[in-house]
Amino acid sequence: MNQYMQLAIKEALKGIRKGHGGPFGAVVVKDGKVICSSHNTVVKDYDSTNHAEMNCLRIACKKLKTFDLSDCEIYTTGQPCKMCIGAINWAKIKSVYYGNTYKDALNMGFDDENGNNKELKLNRIDSEYTVKLIEEWNNSSKRKIY
């Protein structure tokens, strides 16, 4: 068994046994060294974004003092959901290793493929005002692309 996946599984078990959230664990690795590990804490923290991967990304960025994790990889017990994939992409991580699939998650009651919120509606408003933020950003001396 892969040593990093083994650690992710250990994290998931810790979260399950403490009642912190779903059966998910993750590990961020850089140059063969574990930067951090975490598990799902959605229930514990009353925060729907506290998936194992999200927790790991937050910890790794703070620990490494960067938002660019392009020289890291992530190991996770479940195929990352759309939110986590988005965050992993923004962190510029190039390799994701996962165990369970979306289909496996569906068997646990998590619909990662189709989403759990069938009522979601996206409504664009006031874009003639919000577009001015782009100009402000483009002209800012503090602008930093990430």
C-alpha atoms as a PDB file:
ATOM      1  CA  MET A   1       0.000   0.000   0.000  1.00  0.00           C
ATOM      2  CA  ASN A   2       1.176   3.515  -0.781  1.00  0.00           C
ATOM      3  CA  GLN A   3       2.483   5.136   2.411  1.00  0.00           C
ATOM      4  CA  TYR A   4       0.722   8.446   1.765  1.00  0.00           C
ATOM      5  CA  MET A   5      -2.607   6.788   1.035  1.00  0.00           C
ATOM      6  CA  GLN A   6      -2.140   4.786   4.217  1.00  0.00           C
ATOM      7  CA  LEU A   7      -1.807   8.068   6.132  1.00  0.00           C
ATOM      8  CA  ALA A   8      -4.898   9.485   4.367  1.00  0.00           C
ATOM      9  CA  ILE A   9      -6.856   6.381   5.402  1.00  0.00           C
ATOM     10  CA  LYS A  10      -5.641   6.805   8.978  1.00  0.00           C
ATOM     11  CA  GLU A  11      -6.878  10.413   8.926  1.00  0.00           C
ATOM     12  CA  ALA A  12     -10.259   9.341   7.531  1.00  0.00           C
ATOM     13  CA  LEU A  13     -10.634   6.754  10.289  1.00  0.00           C
ATOM     14  CA  LYS A  14      -9.772   9.380  12.902  1.00  0.00           C
ATOM     15  CA  GLY A  15     -12.496  11.661  11.525  1.00  0.00           C
ATOM     16  CA  ILE A  16     -15.077   8.870  11.371  1.00  0.00           C
ATOM     17  CA  ARG A  17     -14.376   7.758  14.935  1.00  0.00           C
ATOM     18  CA  LYS A  18     -14.574  11.316  16.277  1.00  0.00           C
ATOM     19  CA  GLY A  19     -17.777  12.064  14.328  1.00  0.00           C
ATOM     20  CA  HIS A  20     -16.163  15.014  12.557  1.00  0.00           C
ATOM     21  CA  GLY A  21     -17.675  14.343   9.126  1.00  0.00           C
ATOM     22  CA  GLY A  22     -17.617  11.999   6.161  1.00  0.00           C
ATOM     23  CA  PRO A  23     -15.121   9.169   5.651  1.00  0.00           C
ATOM     24  CA  PHE A  24     -12.464  11.209   3.924  1.00  0.00           C
ATOM     25  CA  GLY A  25      -8.784  11.869   4.611  1.00  0.00           C
ATOM     26  CA  ALA A  26      -6.070  13.663   2.640  1.00  0.00           C
ATOM     27  CA  VAL A  27      -2.310  14.239   2.667  1.00  0.00           C
ATOM     28  CA  VAL A  28      -0.214  16.906   0.915  1.00  0.00           C
ATOM     29  CA  VAL A  29       3.320  15.813  -0.029  1.00  0.00           C
ATOM     30  CA  LYS A  30       6.260  17.859  -1.325  1.00  0.00           C
ATOM     31  CA  ASP A  31       9.498  16.252  -2.493  1.00  0.00           C
ATOM     32  CA  GLY A  32       8.597  12.991  -0.754  1.00  0.00           C
ATOM     33  CA  LYS A  33       7.946  14.734   2.576  1.00  0.00           C
ATOM     34  CA  VAL A  34       4.512  14.948   4.223  1.00  0.00           C
ATOM     35  CA  ILE A  35       3.570  18.602   4.599  1.00  0.00           C
ATOM     36  CA  CYS A  36       0.254  17.929   6.321  1.00  0.00           C
ATOM     37  CA  SER A  37      -2.647  15.551   6.682  1.00  0.00           C
ATOM     38  CA  SER A  38      -6.272  16.149   7.610  1.00  0.00           C
ATOM     39  CA  HIS A  39      -9.717  14.640   7.533  1.00  0.00           C
ATOM     40  CA  ASN A  40     -13.225  15.896   6.806  1.00  0.00           C
ATOM     41  CA  THR A  41     -14.493  18.263   9.549  1.00  0.00           C
ATOM     42  CA  VAL A  42     -17.771  19.451   8.012  1.00  0.00           C
ATOM     43  CA  VAL A  43     -19.905  18.243  10.932  1.00  0.00           C
ATOM     44  CA  LYS A  44     -17.462  19.224  13.690  1.00  0.00           C
ATOM     45  CA  ASP A  45     -16.875  22.765  12.391  1.00  0.00           C
ATOM     46  CA  TYR A  46     -20.364  23.417  10.930  1.00  0.00           C
ATOM     47  CA  ASP A  47     -18.633  24.330   7.666  1.00  0.00           C
ATOM     48  CA  SER A  48     -19.659  22.718   4.387  1.00  0.00           C
ATOM     49  CA  THR A  49     -16.267  23.569   2.847  1.00  0.00           C
ATOM     50  CA  ASN A  50     -14.190  21.641   5.375  1.00  0.00           C
ATOM     51  CA  HIS A  51     -13.532  18.620   3.199  1.00  0.00           C
ATOM     52  CA  ALA A  52     -10.278  16.764   3.876  1.00  0.00           C
ATOM     53  CA  GLU A  53      -8.666  18.183   0.736  1.00  0.00           C
ATOM     54  CA  MET A  54      -9.719  21.766   1.557  1.00  0.00           C
ATOM     55  CA  ASN A  55      -8.397  21.442   5.094  1.00  0.00           C
ATOM     56  CA  CYS A  56      -5.097  20.099   3.757  1.00  0.00           C
ATOM     57  CA  LEU A  57      -4.740  22.869   1.195  1.00  0.00           C
ATOM     58  CA  ARG A  58      -5.327  25.526   3.858  1.00  0.00           C
ATOM     59  CA  ILE A  59      -2.790  23.960   6.222  1.00  0.00           C
ATOM     60  CA  ALA A  60      -0.174  23.417   3.490  1.00  0.00           C
ATOM     61  CA  CYS A  61      -0.455  26.976   2.170  1.00  0.00           C
ATOM     62  CA  LYS A  62      -0.025  28.432   5.659  1.00  0.00           C
ATOM     63  CA  LYS A  63       2.811  26.058   6.529  1.00  0.00           C
ATOM     64  CA  LEU A  64       4.675  26.740   3.268  1.00  0.00           C
ATOM     65  CA  LYS A  65       3.670  30.438   3.242  1.00  0.00           C
ATOM     66  CA  THR A  66       2.429  30.312  -0.341  1.00  0.00           C
ATOM     67  CA  PHE A  67      -0.757  29.881  -2.328  1.00  0.00           C
ATOM     68  CA  ASP A  68       1.164  28.071  -5.081  1.00  0.00           C
ATOM     69  CA  LEU A  69       1.450  24.360  -4.294  1.00  0.00           C
ATOM     70  CA  SER A  70       2.626  23.411  -7.790  1.00  0.00           C
ATOM     71  CA  ASP A  71       5.527  21.449  -6.340  1.00  0.00           C
ATOM     72  CA  CYS A  72       3.187  19.350  -4.171  1.00  0.00           C
ATOM     73  CA  GLU A  73       0.888  16.412  -4.749  1.00  0.00           C
ATOM     74  CA  ILE A  74      -2.207  15.339  -2.854  1.00  0.00           C
ATOM     75  CA  TYR A  75      -3.390  11.900  -1.787  1.00  0.00           C
ATOM     76  CA  THR A  76      -7.034  11.531  -0.835  1.00  0.00           C
ATOM     77  CA  THR A  77      -9.268   8.627   0.109  1.00  0.00           C
ATOM     78  CA  GLY A  78     -12.023   9.769  -2.246  1.00  0.00           C
ATOM     79  CA  GLN A  79     -12.115  11.272  -5.726  1.00  0.00           C
ATOM     80  CA  PRO A  80     -12.223  15.015  -5.026  1.00  0.00           C
ATOM     81  CA  CYS A  81     -15.584  16.739  -5.448  1.00  0.00           C
ATOM     82  CA  LYS A  82     -15.975  19.705  -7.792  1.00  0.00           C
ATOM     83  CA  MET A  83     -15.203  22.199  -5.009  1.00  0.00           C
ATOM     84  CA  CYS A  84     -12.018  20.384  -4.042  1.00  0.00           C
ATOM     85  CA  ILE A  85     -10.930  19.917  -7.655  1.00  0.00           C
ATOM     86  CA  GLY A  86     -11.429  23.658  -8.139  1.00  0.00           C
ATOM     87  CA  ALA A  87      -9.293  24.430  -5.080  1.00  0.00           C
ATOM     88  CA  ILE A  88      -6.623  21.906  -6.093  1.00  0.00           C
ATOM     89  CA  ASN A  89      -6.539  23.512  -9.532  1.00  0.00           C
ATOM     90  CA  TRP A  90      -6.200  27.035  -8.049  1.00  0.00           C
ATOM     91  CA  ALA A  91      -3.384  25.743  -5.807  1.00  0.00           C
ATOM     92  CA  LYS A  92      -1.727  24.473  -9.019  1.00  0.00           C
ATOM     93  CA  ILE A  93      -1.195  20.939  -7.711  1.00  0.00           C
ATOM     94  CA  LYS A  94      -0.348  18.736 -10.701  1.00  0.00           C
ATOM     95  CA  SER A  95      -1.011  15.234  -9.309  1.00  0.00           C
ATOM     96  CA  VAL A  96      -3.969  13.883  -7.356  1.00  0.00           C
ATOM     97  CA  TYR A  97      -4.036  10.290  -6.129  1.00  0.00           C
ATOM     98  CA  TYR A  98      -7.399   9.023  -4.882  1.00  0.00           C
ATOM     99  CA  GLY A  99      -9.013   5.810  -3.675  1.00  0.00           C
ATOM    100  CA  ASN A 100     -12.825   5.782  -3.828  1.00  0.00           C
ATOM    101  CA  THR A 101     -14.663   7.057  -6.895  1.00  0.00           C
ATOM    102  CA  TYR A 102     -17.777   9.248  -7.269  1.00  0.00           C
ATOM    103  CA  LYS A 103     -19.763   6.026  -7.644  1.00  0.00           C
ATOM    104  CA  ASP A 104     -18.377   4.771  -4.337  1.00  0.00           C
ATOM    105  CA  ALA A 105     -19.338   8.093  -2.718  1.00  0.00           C
ATOM    106  CA  LEU A 106     -22.862   7.734  -4.101  1.00  0.00           C
ATOM    107  CA  ASN A 107     -23.081   4.373  -2.332  1.00  0.00           C
ATOM    108  CA  MET A 108     -22.299   6.244   0.915  1.00  0.00           C
ATOM    109  CA  GLY A 109     -24.974   8.880   0.310  1.00  0.00           C
ATOM    110  CA  PHE A 110     -22.740  11.584  -1.209  1.00  0.00           C
ATOM    111  CA  ASP A 111     -23.652  12.676  -4.755  1.00  0.00           C
ATOM    112  CA  ASP A 112     -20.370  14.260  -5.857  1.00  0.00           C
ATOM    113  CA  GLU A 113     -21.097  13.797  -9.546  1.00  0.00           C
ATOM    114  CA  ASN A 114     -24.472  15.537  -9.723  1.00  0.00           C
ATOM    115  CA  GLY A 115     -24.332  17.686  -6.582  1.00  0.00           C
ATOM    116  CA  ASN A 116     -26.464  17.579  -3.476  1.00  0.00           C
ATOM    117  CA  ASN A 117     -28.364  20.814  -4.155  1.00  0.00           C
ATOM    118  CA  LYS A 118     -30.918  20.402  -6.930  1.00  0.00           C
ATOM    119  CA  GLU A 119     -32.468  23.814  -6.109  1.00  0.00           C
ATOM    120  CA  LEU A 120     -29.369  25.902  -6.912  1.00  0.00           C
ATOM    121  CA  LYS A 121     -29.994  28.764  -9.333  1.00  0.00           C
ATOM    122  CA  LEU A 122     -27.289  31.132 -10.594  1.00  0.00           C
ATOM    123  CA  ASN A 123     -28.540  34.674 -11.265  1.00  0.00           C
ATOM    124  CA  ARG A 124     -26.300  37.364 -12.732  1.00  0.00           C
ATOM    125  CA  ILE A 125     -27.097  40.882 -11.499  1.00  0.00           C
ATOM    126  CA  ASP A 126     -25.498  44.348 -11.455  1.00  0.00           C
ATOM    127  CA  SER A 127     -22.644  43.387 -13.753  1.00  0.00           C
ATOM    128  CA  GLU A 128     -22.446  46.954 -15.066  1.00  0.00           C
ATOM    129  CA  TYR A 129     -21.176  47.865 -11.585  1.00  0.00           C
ATOM    130  CA  THR A 130     -19.151  44.777 -10.751  1.00  0.00           C
ATOM    131  CA  VAL A 131     -17.206  45.023 -14.015  1.00  0.00           C
ATOM    132  CA  LYS A 132     -15.611  48.193 -12.609  1.00  0.00           C
ATOM    133  CA  LEU A 133     -13.812  45.979 -10.084  1.00  0.00           C
ATOM    134  CA  ILE A 134     -11.869  44.411 -12.968  1.00  0.00           C
ATOM    135  CA  GLU A 135     -10.586  47.820 -14.025  1.00  0.00           C
ATOM    136  CA  GLU A 136      -9.653  48.617 -10.410  1.00  0.00           C
ATOM    137  CA  TRP A 137      -7.795  45.295 -10.128  1.00  0.00           C
ATOM    138  CA  ASN A 138      -5.990  45.730 -13.451  1.00  0.00           C
ATOM    139  CA  ASN A 139      -4.769  49.185 -12.382  1.00  0.00           C
ATOM    140  CA  SER A 140      -3.771  48.212  -8.847  1.00  0.00           C
ATOM    141  CA  SER A 141      -0.102  48.312  -7.858  1.00  0.00           C
ATOM    142  CA  LYS A 142      -0.913  45.484  -5.398  1.00  0.00           C
ATOM    143  CA  ARG A 143      -2.186  43.160  -8.130  1.00  0.00           C
ATOM    144  CA  LYS A 144      -0.675  39.699  -7.945  1.00  0.00           C
ATOM    145  CA  ILE A 145      -1.824  36.951 -10.286  1.00  0.00           C
ATOM    146  CA  TYR A 146      -2.574  33.607  -8.709  1.00  0.00           C
END
